[in-house]
C-alpha atoms as a PDB file:
ATOM      1  CA  MET A   1    -136.505 -21.903 -71.130  1.00  0.00           C
ATOM      2  CA  LEU A   2    -134.603 -21.567 -67.445  1.00  0.00           C
ATOM      3  CA  VAL A   3    -136.706 -23.261 -64.781  1.00  0.00           C
ATOM      4  CA  LEU A   4    -135.609 -21.823 -61.110  1.00  0.00           C
ATOM      5  CA  SER A   5    -137.097 -23.517 -57.660  1.00  0.00           C
ATOM      6  CA  ARG A   6    -137.588 -20.284 -55.104  1.00  0.00           C
ATOM      7  CA  LYS A   7    -139.088 -20.464 -51.629  1.00  0.00           C
ATOM      8  CA  VAL A   8    -140.760 -17.481 -50.432  1.00  0.00           C
ATOM      9  CA  GLY A   9    -139.243 -14.465 -49.581  1.00  0.00           C
ATOM     10  CA  GLU A  10    -136.447 -15.291 -52.215  1.00  0.00           C
ATOM     11  CA  SER A  11    -135.735 -13.492 -55.634  1.00  0.00           C
ATOM     12  CA  ILE A  12    -134.138 -13.950 -59.003  1.00  0.00           C
ATOM     13  CA  LEU A  13    -132.739 -10.842 -61.159  1.00  0.00           C
ATOM     14  CA  ILE A  14    -133.273 -10.205 -64.539  1.00  0.00           C
ATOM     15  CA  SER A  15    -130.669  -7.810 -66.125  1.00  0.00           C
ATOM     16  CA  GLU A  16    -129.636  -6.153 -62.872  1.00  0.00           C
ATOM     17  CA  SER A  17    -132.397  -4.105 -63.099  1.00  0.00           C
ATOM     18  CA  ILE A  18    -135.677  -6.209 -62.918  1.00  0.00           C
ATOM     19  CA  ARG A  19    -135.897  -8.217 -59.451  1.00  0.00           C
ATOM     20  CA  VAL A  20    -138.943 -11.076 -58.905  1.00  0.00           C
ATOM     21  CA  THR A  21    -139.711 -12.220 -55.910  1.00  0.00           C
ATOM     22  CA  VAL A  22    -141.885 -14.854 -54.527  1.00  0.00           C
ATOM     23  CA  VAL A  23    -144.124 -12.893 -52.306  1.00  0.00           C
ATOM     24  CA  GLN A  24    -146.628 -15.770 -51.062  1.00  0.00           C
ATOM     25  CA  ALA A  25    -146.819 -19.557 -51.843  1.00  0.00           C
ATOM     26  CA  LYS A  26    -150.171 -21.657 -50.648  1.00  0.00           C
ATOM     27  CA  ASN A  27    -152.776 -23.945 -51.814  1.00  0.00           C
ATOM     28  CA  GLY A  28    -151.113 -24.479 -55.008  1.00  0.00           C
ATOM     29  CA  ARG A  29    -150.787 -20.777 -56.279  1.00  0.00           C
ATOM     30  CA  ILE A  30    -148.090 -18.338 -56.307  1.00  0.00           C
ATOM     31  CA  ARG A  31    -147.827 -14.492 -55.894  1.00  0.00           C
ATOM     32  CA  LEU A  32    -145.020 -12.965 -57.533  1.00  0.00           C
ATOM     33  CA  GLY A  33    -143.449  -9.291 -56.651  1.00  0.00           C
ATOM     34  CA  ILE A  34    -141.621  -7.510 -59.717  1.00  0.00           C
ATOM     35  CA  ASP A  35    -139.955  -4.991 -59.572  1.00  0.00           C
ATOM     36  CA  ALA A  36    -138.521  -2.893 -62.829  1.00  0.00           C
ATOM     37  CA  PRO A  37    -138.291   0.212 -63.759  1.00  0.00           C
ATOM     38  CA  PRO A  38    -140.583   2.623 -65.056  1.00  0.00           C
ATOM     39  CA  GLU A  39    -139.661   2.179 -68.766  1.00  0.00           C
ATOM     40  CA  VAL A  40    -140.142  -1.480 -68.799  1.00  0.00           C
ATOM     41  CA  LYS A  41    -143.649  -2.725 -69.448  1.00  0.00           C
ATOM     42  CA  VAL A  42    -145.234  -5.795 -67.485  1.00  0.00           C
ATOM     43  CA  LEU A  43    -148.027  -7.561 -68.277  1.00  0.00           C
ATOM     44  CA  ARG A  44    -149.716 -10.815 -67.808  1.00  0.00           C
ATOM     45  CA  GLU A  45    -149.829 -13.111 -70.482  1.00  0.00           C
ATOM     46  CA  GLU A  46    -153.396 -13.259 -71.256  1.00  0.00           C
ATOM     47  CA  LEU A  47    -153.348  -9.258 -71.670  1.00  0.00           C
ATOM     48  CA  THR A  48    -151.098  -9.397 -74.058  1.00  0.00           C
ATOM     49  CA  MET A  49    -153.314 -12.001 -76.100  1.00  0.00           C
ATOM     50  CA  SER A  50    -156.257 -10.186 -75.580  1.00  0.00           C
ATOM     51  CA  SER A  51    -154.582  -7.584 -77.382  1.00  0.00           C
ATOM     52  CA  PHE A  52    -153.716  -9.610 -80.643  1.00  0.00           C
ATOM     53  CA  TYR A  53    -157.367 -10.069 -80.669  1.00  0.00           C
ATOM     54  CA  SER A  54    -158.162  -6.350 -80.678  1.00  0.00           C
ATOM     55  CA  SER A  55    -157.614  -3.864 -83.507  1.00  0.00           C
ATOM     56  CA  PRO A  56    -157.957  -0.172 -83.312  1.00  0.00           C
ATOM     57  CA  SER A  57    -160.967   2.031 -83.986  1.00  0.00           C
ATOM     58  CA  LYS A  58    -161.757   5.175 -85.493  1.00  0.00           C
ATOM     59  CA  ASN A  59    -161.915   6.606 -82.508  1.00  0.00           C
ATOM     60  CA  GLY A  60    -158.601   5.073 -81.375  1.00  0.00           C
ATOM     61  CA  GLU A  61    -160.014   2.981 -78.661  1.00  0.00           C
ATOM     62  CA  ALA A  62    -159.527  -0.777 -78.862  1.00  0.00           C
ATOM     63  CA  GLN A  63    -162.555  -3.187 -80.643  1.00  0.00           C
ATOM     64  CA  ALA A  64    -162.413  -6.712 -79.751  1.00  0.00           C
ATOM     65  CA  LEU A  65    -162.168  -9.144 -82.573  1.00  0.00           C
ATOM     66  CA  THR A  66    -163.327 -12.732 -82.915  1.00  0.00           C
ATOM     67  CA  PRO A  67    -160.594 -15.133 -83.944  1.00  0.00           C
ATOM     68  CA  SER A  68    -161.804 -16.350 -87.666  1.00  0.00           C
ATOM     69  CA  ALA A  69    -162.741 -20.271 -87.842  1.00  0.00           C
END
C-alpha cells in the first residue's frame, strides 16, 4: 500500500485518467473528490461489502442475505 500526505487542494493521479483531490479536511475527517472516466466504477468500500451479502432474487433485484454463523 502506498501512503501519501496531501493538503487541501492537492491531488494524486492514478493511471493518468483518475484524479483524487483532497477537497476538505476538518474535525478529523477528509472529503475527497474523484474525477474518473464514465466507464470506471467508483464505489465506497462499504457498498461493495453489502453486495457481498446480497443475492439476486427471482425478479432480478438484489435480496439481502444474512451471514451464516
